[in-house]
Every structure is written in C-alpha cells, then in structure tokens.
C-alpha atoms as a PDB file:
ATOM      1  CA  UNK A   1      85.511 136.298 134.331  1.00  0.00           C
ATOM      2  CA  UNK A   2      82.575 134.048 133.069  1.00  0.00           C
ATOM      3  CA  UNK A   3      83.785 131.308 135.656  1.00  0.00           C
ATOM      4  CA  UNK A   4      83.824 134.208 138.419  1.00  0.00           C
ATOM      5  CA  UNK A   5      80.114 135.615 137.045  1.00  0.00           C
ATOM      6  CA  UNK A   6      78.995 132.079 136.986  1.00  0.00           C
ATOM      7  CA  UNK A   7      79.829 131.157 140.621  1.00  0.00           C
ATOM      8  CA  UNK A   8      78.019 134.564 141.913  1.00  0.00           C
ATOM      9  CA  UNK A   9      75.062 133.641 139.627  1.00  0.00           C
ATOM     10  CA  UNK A  10      74.439 130.836 142.348  1.00  0.00           C
ATOM     11  CA  UNK A  11      72.555 132.952 145.085  1.00  0.00           C
ATOM     12  CA  UNK A  12      73.778 130.511 147.301  1.00  0.00           C
ATOM     13  CA  UNK A  13      77.040 130.989 146.936  1.00  0.00           C
ATOM     14  CA  UNK A  14      78.276 133.793 149.800  1.00  0.00           C
ATOM     15  CA  UNK A  15      82.388 133.327 149.128  1.00  0.00           C
ATOM     16  CA  UNK A  16      84.902 133.559 146.490  1.00  0.00           C
ATOM     17  CA  UNK A  17      88.289 132.445 147.012  1.00  0.00           C
ATOM     18  CA  UNK A  18      90.633 132.748 144.185  1.00  0.00           C
ATOM     19  CA  UNK A  19      94.358 131.834 144.006  1.00  0.00           C
ATOM     20  CA  UNK A  20      96.147 132.100 141.972  1.00  0.00           C
ATOM     21  CA  UNK A  21      94.181 135.830 141.179  1.00  0.00           C
ATOM     22  CA  UNK A  22      95.299 135.639 137.884  1.00  0.00           C
ATOM     23  CA  UNK A  23      94.855 138.821 135.444  1.00  0.00           C
ATOM     24  CA  UNK A  24      91.395 139.409 135.172  1.00  0.00           C
ATOM     25  CA  UNK A  25      90.235 138.627 138.790  1.00  0.00           C
ATOM     26  CA  UNK A  26      89.431 142.332 139.164  1.00  0.00           C
ATOM     27  CA  UNK A  27      87.437 142.367 135.644  1.00  0.00           C
ATOM     28  CA  UNK A  28      85.493 139.245 137.315  1.00  0.00           C
ATOM     29  CA  UNK A  29      85.108 141.068 141.053  1.00  0.00           C
ATOM     30  CA  UNK A  30      83.856 144.044 139.181  1.00  0.00           C
ATOM     31  CA  UNK A  31      81.206 142.068 137.527  1.00  0.00           C
ATOM     32  CA  UNK A  32      80.015 140.406 140.378  1.00  0.00           C
ATOM     33  CA  UNK A  33      79.534 143.623 142.259  1.00  0.00           C
ATOM     34  CA  UNK A  34      77.709 145.340 139.175  1.00  0.00           C
ATOM     35  CA  UNK A  35      75.111 142.034 139.717  1.00  0.00           C
ATOM     36  CA  UNK A  36      74.352 143.179 143.017  1.00  0.00           C
ATOM     37  CA  UNK A  37      76.271 140.719 145.118  1.00  0.00           C
ATOM     38  CA  UNK A  38      77.552 143.102 147.368  1.00  0.00           C
ATOM     39  CA  UNK A  39      76.905 139.941 149.733  1.00  0.00           C
ATOM     40  CA  UNK A  40      79.908 137.812 148.523  1.00  0.00           C
ATOM     41  CA  UNK A  41      83.073 137.881 150.220  1.00  0.00           C
ATOM     42  CA  UNK A  42      85.835 137.974 147.573  1.00  0.00           C
ATOM     43  CA  UNK A  43      89.384 137.120 148.568  1.00  0.00           C
ATOM     44  CA  UNK A  44      91.932 137.025 146.361  1.00  0.00           C
ATOM     45  CA  UNK A  45      95.402 135.224 146.751  1.00  0.00           C
ATOM     46  CA  UNK A  46      98.681 135.332 144.912  1.00  0.00           C
ATOM     47  CA  UNK A  47      97.486 138.152 142.617  1.00  0.00           C
ATOM     48  CA  UNK A  48      99.160 138.932 139.421  1.00  0.00           C
ATOM     49  CA  UNK A  49      97.688 142.637 138.831  1.00  0.00           C
ATOM     50  CA  UNK A  50      99.097 145.340 140.779  1.00  0.00           C
ATOM     51  CA  UNK A  51      97.833 146.160 144.380  1.00  0.00           C
ATOM     52  CA  UNK A  52      96.504 149.261 143.511  1.00  0.00           C
ATOM     53  CA  UNK A  53      94.471 147.770 141.265  1.00  0.00           C
ATOM     54  CA  UNK A  54      93.156 144.090 143.003  1.00  0.00           C
ATOM     55  CA  UNK A  55      92.781 145.344 146.354  1.00  0.00           C
ATOM     56  CA  UNK A  56      90.054 147.989 144.806  1.00  0.00           C
ATOM     57  CA  UNK A  57      88.288 144.824 143.690  1.00  0.00           C
ATOM     58  CA  UNK A  58      88.750 142.689 146.167  1.00  0.00           C
ATOM     59  CA  UNK A  59      87.621 142.330 150.056  1.00  0.00           C
ATOM     60  CA  UNK A  60      91.134 140.822 151.038  1.00  0.00           C
ATOM     61  CA  UNK A  61      94.199 140.409 149.126  1.00  0.00           C
ATOM     62  CA  UNK A  62      96.953 137.547 150.183  1.00  0.00           C
ATOM     63  CA  UNK A  63     100.477 137.355 148.849  1.00  0.00           C
ATOM     64  CA  UNK A  64     103.783 136.016 150.110  1.00  0.00           C
ATOM     65  CA  UNK A  65     106.233 139.545 150.619  1.00  0.00           C
ATOM     66  CA  UNK A  66     107.987 139.121 147.361  1.00  0.00           C
ATOM     67  CA  UNK A  67     109.419 142.364 148.353  1.00  0.00           C
ATOM     68  CA  UNK A  68     110.845 141.197 151.656  1.00  0.00           C
ATOM     69  CA  UNK A  69     112.488 138.331 149.842  1.00  0.00           C
ATOM     70  CA  UNK A  70     114.782 140.406 148.478  1.00  0.00           C
ATOM     71  CA  UNK A  71     116.079 140.577 151.945  1.00  0.00           C
ATOM     72  CA  UNK A  72     115.801 137.270 153.047  1.00  0.00           C
ATOM     73  CA  UNK A  73     117.393 135.420 149.632  1.00  0.00           C
ATOM     74  CA  UNK A  74     120.269 138.034 149.979  1.00  0.00           C
ATOM     75  CA  UNK A  75     120.436 136.865 153.433  1.00  0.00           C
ATOM     76  CA  UNK A  76     120.836 133.431 152.284  1.00  0.00           C
ATOM     77  CA  UNK A  77     122.952 134.170 149.970  1.00  0.00           C
ATOM     78  CA  UNK A  78     125.134 135.886 152.133  1.00  0.00           C
ATOM     79  CA  UNK A  79     124.905 132.931 154.391  1.00  0.00           C
ATOM     80  CA  UNK A  80     126.420 130.755 151.456  1.00  0.00           C
ATOM     81  CA  UNK A  81     129.120 133.134 150.537  1.00  0.00           C
ATOM     82  CA  UNK A  82     127.320 133.740 146.995  1.00  0.00           C
ATOM     83  CA  UNK A  83     129.599 135.613 144.776  1.00  0.00           C
ATOM     84  CA  UNK A  84     127.037 135.980 141.815  1.00  0.00           C
ATOM     85  CA  UNK A  85     123.370 136.049 141.555  1.00  0.00           C
ATOM     86  CA  UNK A  86     121.707 134.976 138.265  1.00  0.00           C
ATOM     87  CA  UNK A  87     118.103 136.162 138.359  1.00  0.00           C
ATOM     88  CA  UNK A  88     115.830 135.112 135.460  1.00  0.00           C
ATOM     89  CA  UNK A  89     112.969 136.510 134.118  1.00  0.00           C
ATOM     90  CA  UNK A  90     111.124 138.617 131.748  1.00  0.00           C
ATOM     91  CA  UNK A  91     109.472 141.612 130.661  1.00  0.00           C
ATOM     92  CA  UNK A  92     105.948 140.302 131.549  1.00  0.00           C
ATOM     93  CA  UNK A  93     106.958 139.845 135.144  1.00  0.00           C
ATOM     94  CA  UNK A  94     109.418 142.479 135.042  1.00  0.00           C
ATOM     95  CA  UNK A  95     106.139 144.798 134.799  1.00  0.00           C
ATOM     96  CA  UNK A  96     104.677 143.633 137.977  1.00  0.00           C
ATOM     97  CA  UNK A  97     104.965 146.123 141.271  1.00  0.00           C
ATOM     98  CA  UNK A  98     105.472 143.296 144.113  1.00  0.00           C
ATOM     99  CA  UNK A  99     107.974 141.497 141.428  1.00  0.00           C
ATOM    100  CA  UNK A 100     109.914 144.901 140.860  1.00  0.00           C
ATOM    101  CA  UNK A 101     110.087 146.023 144.075  1.00  0.00           C
ATOM    102  CA  UNK A 102     111.973 142.332 145.090  1.00  0.00           C
ATOM    103  CA  UNK A 103     114.294 142.940 142.389  1.00  0.00           C
ATOM    104  CA  UNK A 104     115.273 146.587 143.285  1.00  0.00           C
ATOM    105  CA  UNK A 105     115.764 145.224 146.883  1.00  0.00           C
ATOM    106  CA  UNK A 106     117.652 142.530 145.778  1.00  0.00           C
ATOM    107  CA  UNK A 107     120.118 145.209 143.689  1.00  0.00           C
ATOM    108  CA  UNK A 108     120.176 147.325 146.500  1.00  0.00           C
ATOM    109  CA  UNK A 109     121.720 144.346 149.164  1.00  0.00           C
ATOM    110  CA  UNK A 110     123.577 142.775 146.696  1.00  0.00           C
ATOM    111  CA  UNK A 111     125.419 145.850 145.881  1.00  0.00           C
ATOM    112  CA  UNK A 112     126.096 146.246 149.926  1.00  0.00           C
ATOM    113  CA  UNK A 113     127.384 142.756 150.024  1.00  0.00           C
ATOM    114  CA  UNK A 114     129.559 142.593 147.091  1.00  0.00           C
ATOM    115  CA  UNK A 115     127.680 140.089 145.530  1.00  0.00           C
ATOM    116  CA  UNK A 116     127.369 140.902 141.636  1.00  0.00           C
ATOM    117  CA  UNK A 117     123.399 140.839 140.639  1.00  0.00           C
ATOM    118  CA  UNK A 118     123.006 139.407 137.097  1.00  0.00           C
ATOM    119  CA  UNK A 119     119.569 139.881 134.855  1.00  0.00           C
ATOM    120  CA  UNK A 120     119.062 137.084 132.388  1.00  0.00           C
ATOM    121  CA  UNK A 121     115.873 137.240 130.153  1.00  0.00           C
ATOM    122  CA  UNK A 122     114.123 133.772 129.389  1.00  0.00           C
ATOM    123  CA  UNK A 123     111.405 133.111 127.155  1.00  0.00           C
ATOM    124  CA  UNK A 124     108.204 134.388 128.974  1.00  0.00           C
ATOM    125  CA  UNK A 125     106.351 130.501 129.269  1.00  0.00           C
ATOM    126  CA  UNK A 126     103.189 132.451 127.842  1.00  0.00           C
ATOM    127  CA  UNK A 127     104.838 133.214 124.484  1.00  0.00           C
ATOM    128  CA  UNK A 128     104.147 131.194 121.202  1.00  0.00           C
ATOM    129  CA  UNK A 129     107.109 128.772 122.264  1.00  0.00           C
ATOM    130  CA  UNK A 130     105.392 127.860 125.422  1.00  0.00           C
ATOM    131  CA  UNK A 131     106.479 126.727 128.379  1.00  0.00           C
ATOM    132  CA  UNK A 132     108.883 123.846 126.845  1.00  0.00           C
ATOM    133  CA  UNK A 133     111.215 126.593 125.069  1.00  0.00           C
ATOM    134  CA  UNK A 134     111.324 128.735 128.701  1.00  0.00           C
ATOM    135  CA  UNK A 135     112.357 125.302 130.925  1.00  0.00           C
ATOM    136  CA  UNK A 136     114.629 124.380 127.838  1.00  0.00           C
ATOM    137  CA  UNK A 137     116.696 127.378 128.009  1.00  0.00           C
ATOM    138  CA  UNK A 138     116.925 127.409 131.674  1.00  0.00           C
ATOM    139  CA  UNK A 139     118.607 123.857 131.360  1.00  0.00           C
ATOM    140  CA  UNK A 140     120.854 125.194 128.706  1.00  0.00           C
ATOM    141  CA  UNK A 141     121.837 128.395 130.280  1.00  0.00           C
ATOM    142  CA  UNK A 142     123.045 127.443 134.033  1.00  0.00           C
ATOM    143  CA  UNK A 143     125.609 125.372 132.516  1.00  0.00           C
ATOM    144  CA  UNK A 144     126.769 128.235 130.262  1.00  0.00           C
ATOM    145  CA  UNK A 145     126.541 130.608 133.203  1.00  0.00           C
ATOM    146  CA  UNK A 146     128.678 128.192 135.858  1.00  0.00           C
ATOM    147  CA  UNK A 147     131.258 127.957 133.037  1.00  0.00           C
ATOM    148  CA  UNK A 148     131.493 131.821 132.829  1.00  0.00           C
ATOM    149  CA  UNK A 149     131.938 132.251 136.267  1.00  0.00           C
ATOM    150  CA  UNK A 150     133.911 129.314 137.143  1.00  0.00           C
ATOM    151  CA  UNK A 151     135.134 128.916 140.395  1.00  0.00           C
ATOM    152  CA  UNK A 152     132.668 131.332 141.750  1.00  0.00           C
ATOM    153  CA  UNK A 153     129.439 130.479 143.817  1.00  0.00           C
ATOM    154  CA  UNK A 154     126.698 131.330 141.810  1.00  0.00           C
ATOM    155  CA  UNK A 155     123.403 131.487 142.954  1.00  0.00           C
ATOM    156  CA  UNK A 156     120.356 130.966 140.480  1.00  0.00           C
ATOM    157  CA  UNK A 157     116.374 132.885 140.880  1.00  0.00           C
ATOM    158  CA  UNK A 158     113.778 132.375 138.701  1.00  0.00           C
ATOM    159  CA  UNK A 159     110.535 134.586 139.087  1.00  0.00           C
ATOM    160  CA  UNK A 160     107.980 131.851 137.257  1.00  0.00           C
ATOM    161  CA  UNK A 161     106.711 128.712 138.681  1.00  0.00           C
ATOM    162  CA  UNK A 162     107.120 126.909 135.531  1.00  0.00           C
ATOM    163  CA  UNK A 163     110.736 127.184 135.074  1.00  0.00           C
ATOM    164  CA  UNK A 164     111.630 125.884 138.868  1.00  0.00           C
ATOM    165  CA  UNK A 165     111.841 122.208 138.011  1.00  0.00           C
ATOM    166  CA  UNK A 166     114.189 122.835 135.239  1.00  0.00           C
ATOM    167  CA  UNK A 167     116.246 125.507 137.308  1.00  0.00           C
ATOM    168  CA  UNK A 168     116.522 123.017 140.694  1.00  0.00           C
ATOM    169  CA  UNK A 169     117.420 120.148 137.783  1.00  0.00           C
ATOM    170  CA  UNK A 170     120.003 121.785 136.153  1.00  0.00           C
ATOM    171  CA  UNK A 171     121.638 123.472 139.884  1.00  0.00           C
ATOM    172  CA  UNK A 172     121.015 120.119 141.706  1.00  0.00           C
ATOM    173  CA  UNK A 173     124.591 118.392 140.470  1.00  0.00           C
ATOM    174  CA  UNK A 174     126.312 121.557 139.798  1.00  0.00           C
ATOM    175  CA  UNK A 175     128.996 121.985 142.974  1.00  0.00           C
ATOM    176  CA  UNK A 176     129.266 125.767 142.784  1.00  0.00           C
ATOM    177  CA  UNK A 177     125.473 126.312 142.091  1.00  0.00           C
ATOM    178  CA  UNK A 178     122.937 127.457 144.622  1.00  0.00           C
ATOM    179  CA  UNK A 179     118.748 127.425 144.730  1.00  0.00           C
ATOM    180  CA  UNK A 180     117.828 129.989 147.505  1.00  0.00           C
ATOM    181  CA  UNK A 181     114.166 129.110 147.149  1.00  0.00           C
ATOM    182  CA  UNK A 182     111.589 129.242 144.756  1.00  0.00           C
ATOM    183  CA  UNK A 183     109.605 132.158 143.271  1.00  0.00           C
ATOM    184  CA  UNK A 184     106.295 130.750 145.574  1.00  0.00           C
ATOM    185  CA  UNK A 185     108.319 129.198 148.457  1.00  0.00           C
ATOM    186  CA  UNK A 186     107.061 125.895 149.604  1.00  0.00           C
ATOM    187  CA  UNK A 187     108.250 122.156 149.944  1.00  0.00           C
ATOM    188  CA  UNK A 188     106.184 121.212 147.416  1.00  0.00           C
ATOM    189  CA  UNK A 189     107.034 123.532 144.829  1.00  0.00           C
ATOM    190  CA  UNK A 190     109.389 121.585 142.253  1.00  0.00           C
ATOM    191  CA  UNK A 191     110.916 119.505 144.936  1.00  0.00           C
ATOM    192  CA  UNK A 192     108.982 116.320 144.113  1.00  0.00           C
ATOM    193  CA  UNK A 193     109.329 116.593 140.544  1.00  0.00           C
ATOM    194  CA  UNK A 194     112.785 117.191 140.316  1.00  0.00           C
ATOM    195  CA  UNK A 195     113.774 114.619 142.993  1.00  0.00           C
ATOM    196  CA  UNK A 196     111.324 112.146 142.283  1.00  0.00           C
ATOM    197  CA  UNK A 197     109.211 112.075 145.284  1.00  0.00           C
ATOM    198  CA  UNK A 198     105.733 111.697 145.867  1.00  0.00           C
ATOM    199  CA  UNK A 199     104.857 114.454 148.737  1.00  0.00           C
ATOM    200  CA  UNK A 200     101.052 115.037 149.826  1.00  0.00           C
ATOM    201  CA  UNK A 201     100.421 118.483 149.603  1.00  0.00           C
ATOM    202  CA  UNK A 202      98.661 119.188 152.798  1.00  0.00           C
ATOM    203  CA  UNK A 203     100.249 116.645 154.856  1.00  0.00           C
ATOM    204  CA  UNK A 204     102.616 116.794 157.100  1.00  0.00           C
ATOM    205  CA  UNK A 205     105.324 119.590 155.947  1.00  0.00           C
ATOM    206  CA  UNK A 206     108.394 118.346 158.128  1.00  0.00           C
ATOM    207  CA  UNK A 207     107.968 115.108 156.720  1.00  0.00           C
ATOM    208  CA  UNK A 208     107.962 116.536 153.215  1.00  0.00           C
ATOM    209  CA  UNK A 209     111.306 118.558 154.177  1.00  0.00           C
ATOM    210  CA  UNK A 210     113.201 115.253 156.084  1.00  0.00           C
ATOM    211  CA  UNK A 211     112.335 113.726 152.775  1.00  0.00           C
ATOM    212  CA  UNK A 212     113.730 116.626 150.283  1.00  0.00           C
ATOM    213  CA  UNK A 213     116.784 116.737 152.608  1.00  0.00           C
ATOM    214  CA  UNK A 214     117.526 113.079 152.433  1.00  0.00           C
ATOM    215  CA  UNK A 215     117.483 113.222 148.519  1.00  0.00           C
ATOM    216  CA  UNK A 216     119.473 116.355 147.997  1.00  0.00           C
ATOM    217  CA  UNK A 217     122.088 114.796 150.563  1.00  0.00           C
ATOM    218  CA  UNK A 218     122.337 111.874 147.570  1.00  0.00           C
ATOM    219  CA  UNK A 219     123.641 114.691 145.432  1.00  0.00           C
ATOM    220  CA  UNK A 220     125.551 116.801 148.096  1.00  0.00           C
ATOM    221  CA  UNK A 221     123.153 119.557 147.662  1.00  0.00           C
ATOM    222  CA  UNK A 222     121.612 120.120 151.441  1.00  0.00           C
ATOM    223  CA  UNK A 223     123.654 123.059 151.950  1.00  0.00           C
ATOM    224  CA  UNK A 224     122.941 124.336 148.439  1.00  0.00           C
ATOM    225  CA  UNK A 225     119.210 124.591 148.415  1.00  0.00           C
ATOM    226  CA  UNK A 226     116.672 126.351 150.578  1.00  0.00           C
ATOM    227  CA  UNK A 227     112.654 127.318 150.854  1.00  0.00           C
ATOM    228  CA  UNK A 228     110.134 128.024 152.918  1.00  0.00           C
ATOM    229  CA  UNK A 229     108.698 125.263 155.758  1.00  0.00           C
ATOM    230  CA  UNK A 230     104.777 125.893 154.677  1.00  0.00           C
ATOM    231  CA  UNK A 231     103.596 126.076 150.970  1.00  0.00           C
ATOM    232  CA  UNK A 232     102.618 129.738 151.136  1.00  0.00           C
ATOM    233  CA  UNK A 233     100.286 129.386 148.099  1.00  0.00           C
ATOM    234  CA  UNK A 234      98.489 126.661 149.865  1.00  0.00           C
ATOM    235  CA  UNK A 235      97.957 128.406 153.371  1.00  0.00           C
ATOM    236  CA  UNK A 236      96.872 131.335 151.428  1.00  0.00           C
ATOM    237  CA  UNK A 237      93.963 129.339 150.025  1.00  0.00           C
ATOM    238  CA  UNK A 238      93.432 127.432 153.321  1.00  0.00           C
ATOM    239  CA  UNK A 239      93.400 130.725 155.721  1.00  0.00           C
ATOM    240  CA  UNK A 240      91.182 132.132 152.960  1.00  0.00           C
ATOM    241  CA  UNK A 241      88.371 129.553 152.990  1.00  0.00           C
ATOM    242  CA  UNK A 242      88.620 129.443 157.010  1.00  0.00           C
ATOM    243  CA  UNK A 243      87.779 132.788 156.760  1.00  0.00           C
ATOM    244  CA  UNK A 244      84.992 132.831 154.534  1.00  0.00           C
ATOM    245  CA  UNK A 245      83.417 130.199 156.772  1.00  0.00           C
ATOM    246  CA  UNK A 246      83.770 132.189 159.269  1.00  0.00           C
ATOM    247  CA  UNK A 247      82.179 135.402 157.760  1.00  0.00           C
ATOM    248  CA  UNK A 248      79.038 133.219 156.444  1.00  0.00           C
ATOM    249  CA  UNK A 249      78.839 131.448 159.820  1.00  0.00           C
ATOM    250  CA  UNK A 250      79.090 135.087 161.427  1.00  0.00           C
ATOM    251  CA  UNK A 251      81.901 134.314 163.854  1.00  0.00           C
ATOM    252  CA  UNK A 252      83.777 136.916 161.991  1.00  0.00           C
ATOM    253  CA  UNK A 253      81.810 140.066 161.036  1.00  0.00           C
ATOM    254  CA  UNK A 254      83.542 142.270 159.184  1.00  0.00           C
ATOM    255  CA  UNK A 255      84.692 141.338 155.173  1.00  0.00           C
ATOM    256  CA  UNK A 256      88.516 142.872 156.589  1.00  0.00           C
ATOM    257  CA  UNK A 257      89.085 141.577 159.835  1.00  0.00           C
ATOM    258  CA  UNK A 258      93.064 141.834 160.380  1.00  0.00           C
ATOM    259  CA  UNK A 259      92.971 140.236 163.964  1.00  0.00           C
ATOM    260  CA  UNK A 260      91.225 137.262 162.952  1.00  0.00           C
ATOM    261  CA  UNK A 261      92.955 136.912 159.839  1.00  0.00           C
ATOM    262  CA  UNK A 262      96.529 137.178 161.480  1.00  0.00           C
ATOM    263  CA  UNK A 263      95.177 134.755 164.574  1.00  0.00           C
ATOM    264  CA  UNK A 264      93.963 132.170 161.691  1.00  0.00           C
ATOM    265  CA  UNK A 265      97.550 132.374 160.185  1.00  0.00           C
ATOM    266  CA  UNK A 266      99.238 132.328 163.775  1.00  0.00           C
ATOM    267  CA  UNK A 267      97.555 129.368 164.401  1.00  0.00           C
ATOM    268  CA  UNK A 268      98.021 127.307 160.805  1.00  0.00           C
ATOM    269  CA  UNK A 269     101.664 128.825 160.603  1.00  0.00           C
ATOM    270  CA  UNK A 270     103.324 130.151 163.905  1.00  0.00           C
ATOM    271  CA  UNK A 271     105.895 132.600 163.335  1.00  0.00           C
ATOM    272  CA  UNK A 272     104.322 133.695 159.943  1.00  0.00           C
ATOM    273  CA  UNK A 273     104.795 137.486 159.702  1.00  0.00           C
ATOM    274  CA  UNK A 274     101.775 139.478 157.948  1.00  0.00           C
ATOM    275  CA  UNK A 275     101.354 142.581 157.480  1.00  0.00           C
ATOM    276  CA  UNK A 276      99.458 144.897 155.444  1.00  0.00           C
ATOM    277  CA  UNK A 277     101.394 145.925 152.115  1.00  0.00           C
ATOM    278  CA  UNK A 278     102.818 149.774 151.721  1.00  0.00           C
ATOM    279  CA  UNK A 279     103.883 150.630 148.211  1.00  0.00           C
ATOM    280  CA  UNK A 280     106.742 152.702 147.215  1.00  0.00           C
ATOM    281  CA  UNK A 281     104.887 155.894 147.524  1.00  0.00           C
ATOM    282  CA  UNK A 282     103.819 155.387 151.307  1.00  0.00           C
ATOM    283  CA  UNK A 283     100.579 154.191 150.375  1.00  0.00           C
ATOM    284  CA  UNK A 284      99.107 151.411 152.486  1.00  0.00           C
ATOM    285  CA  UNK A 285      96.527 148.953 151.312  1.00  0.00           C
ATOM    286  CA  UNK A 286      94.166 147.891 154.450  1.00  0.00           C
ATOM    287  CA  UNK A 287      92.848 144.791 152.980  1.00  0.00           C
ATOM    288  CA  UNK A 288      96.255 143.609 150.941  1.00  0.00           C
ATOM    289  CA  UNK A 289      98.253 141.176 153.580  1.00  0.00           C
ATOM    290  CA  UNK A 290     101.943 140.193 152.689  1.00  0.00           C
ATOM    291  CA  UNK A 291     102.818 137.078 154.415  1.00  0.00           C
ATOM    292  CA  UNK A 292     106.913 135.909 155.333  1.00  0.00           C
ATOM    293  CA  UNK A 293     108.428 133.081 156.535  1.00  0.00           C
ATOM    294  CA  UNK A 294     111.872 132.264 157.275  1.00  0.00           C
ATOM    295  CA  UNK A 295     113.903 130.091 155.018  1.00  0.00           C
ATOM    296  CA  UNK A 296     114.629 126.503 155.857  1.00  0.00           C
ATOM    297  CA  UNK A 297     118.324 124.911 156.545  1.00  0.00           C
ATOM    298  CA  UNK A 298     117.659 121.731 155.165  1.00  0.00           C
ATOM    299  CA  UNK A 299     120.640 120.333 157.431  1.00  0.00           C
ATOM    300  CA  UNK A 300     118.337 120.785 160.611  1.00  0.00           C
ATOM    301  CA  UNK A 301     115.958 118.061 158.403  1.00  0.00           C
ATOM    302  CA  UNK A 302     118.591 115.619 158.140  1.00  0.00           C
ATOM    303  CA  UNK A 303     117.971 112.266 160.394  1.00  0.00           C
END
C-alpha cells in the first residue's frame, strides 16, 4: 500500500500497472483515490482479491480465465486418456472465487468423462515452514500418488506458482504421470528451471517452445506436458503498459475501452479469447477481463 501511495505522490505518474495485484491492491488503489488522484489510470493484473472487490477499485482488471481452464485442462486430460487428476491446493487458495470456479468445473467435467478428481491439501507456502516445505511435499507426494494408482495415467495440477518446478520435476521421468499446464500458463513458468534452459522472457515464444519440446523429448515426455504458447502474466503487463501509454497520450480516451483493449490483445497474441467476467450469480463486471489461450501440443514444436 505504501509503495502504491508513493507512486501516486508523484504528480508525473499518470498510470499504475500492478501485476500480480496481490492482496492489498484494493486498499492501495482506494488510498490513491482518497488522495484526489482520480486522474491516475489503475490497472490490476492477475489479482488475488475477488472480482467484486478489485473491480470496484481498479479501472481495468485482467486475469487468465481460470474458470474456463476447468474446460481446457480437462479437454487435455481427455485427449491424453487420463484416469486420475490430482489437484494440489490449500485453504487460502481454495477461498479465492476464480480458483474455486475452476475447481468446480474441473469436477463437473471429470465426472462427465469418468476421470477421478482427487483433492490433495499441500502446505501453504506462506505458512511458517515456507515454500521449501511445499516444494518438498510435492516431490514426495507425486511418487506416492503414482504408486497408489499404479498402472493408471495420472495428471497433476497445482494452484501455486512456487510449486510448479517441483511438480514438473516429479512428473518428468514418471512414464504414466502427466502435466496439463502451470497455474499461470506460460512457456517460461518453471520450464527453464526444470529443464535447465536459459529462455529470454519477452523473446521468441515459438523458439522457447521448441527448446522445451527438445528437452522433454530427452525424457520421453513430449506427449505428457502442455502449457500456453504465450506467457499470460507477461502479456497482461505488456498490454497494461501499452493501454496506459495510449490513455496518457490521448489515443485512448476512456479508462475502460473494451474494443481498444481487445484489439491490443489480438495484435499481441492472435486468437486470444478476451471476455468480461460474469460470476456464478450472473453479475458481469464490465472492467474485469479474462484471457484464454489454447493449450499447446509439444509434438508440434519438435524439429
């Protein structure tokens, strides 16, 4: 909050793009408005406060379409012939509206497809034991789950960014273990650390996918991993900054121009599905945008 207020104390600051918009974003944005800085454009990316909370404070909110991932993740699992999906999370995350929405849709689709969805509670990385305890839990639990479901194809998903490298590592050399996507889909999310690659974020995404595919092939894992072709959080930051600059120079005249925002996404990530968010009660938030990309098949990136 103090950092946001510090930015707003500078009269030359005309826009703030915050990604991830961690808890406290609303409080910071509210204080900026209390300062009389209604002229500042406030953009929240990948928010961790519920839509009704953050959309009331920010001018524009952008997030990966987590709820719709309940469809795309399960479509990938169905394509792979998955028998069991292990869903790692913890109470703090399972209190977040969009994560719950995704989980509910995963469960509905799993039931329809005859896939067993198993919820496993992992240690919260913000708890006293820290991230290392969460990562160690994943490394130890994946082999146990594989032993429990011996002979079955088992997919693994975790809602937490810090657990991704451990989960990828644990899945990599298990022939019947599958990884449908990171929580924040991207070629750069954990893959470089897991596979020992030096990938330039903001560089050539297709080249990055080819390098990942080549490494996965060394572990006979090309057909067991997926992600999105572009980094969703970085794209949100880039689009947020581009929109802010256009607003400041007057090219965009509204703090929330849906058509302009969608055009920027289409130019940056062709085929991206950008929509306003509607909650389970049917309420639509006209400044809260969700972004959805198709999952990749790494076989398409093998030379």
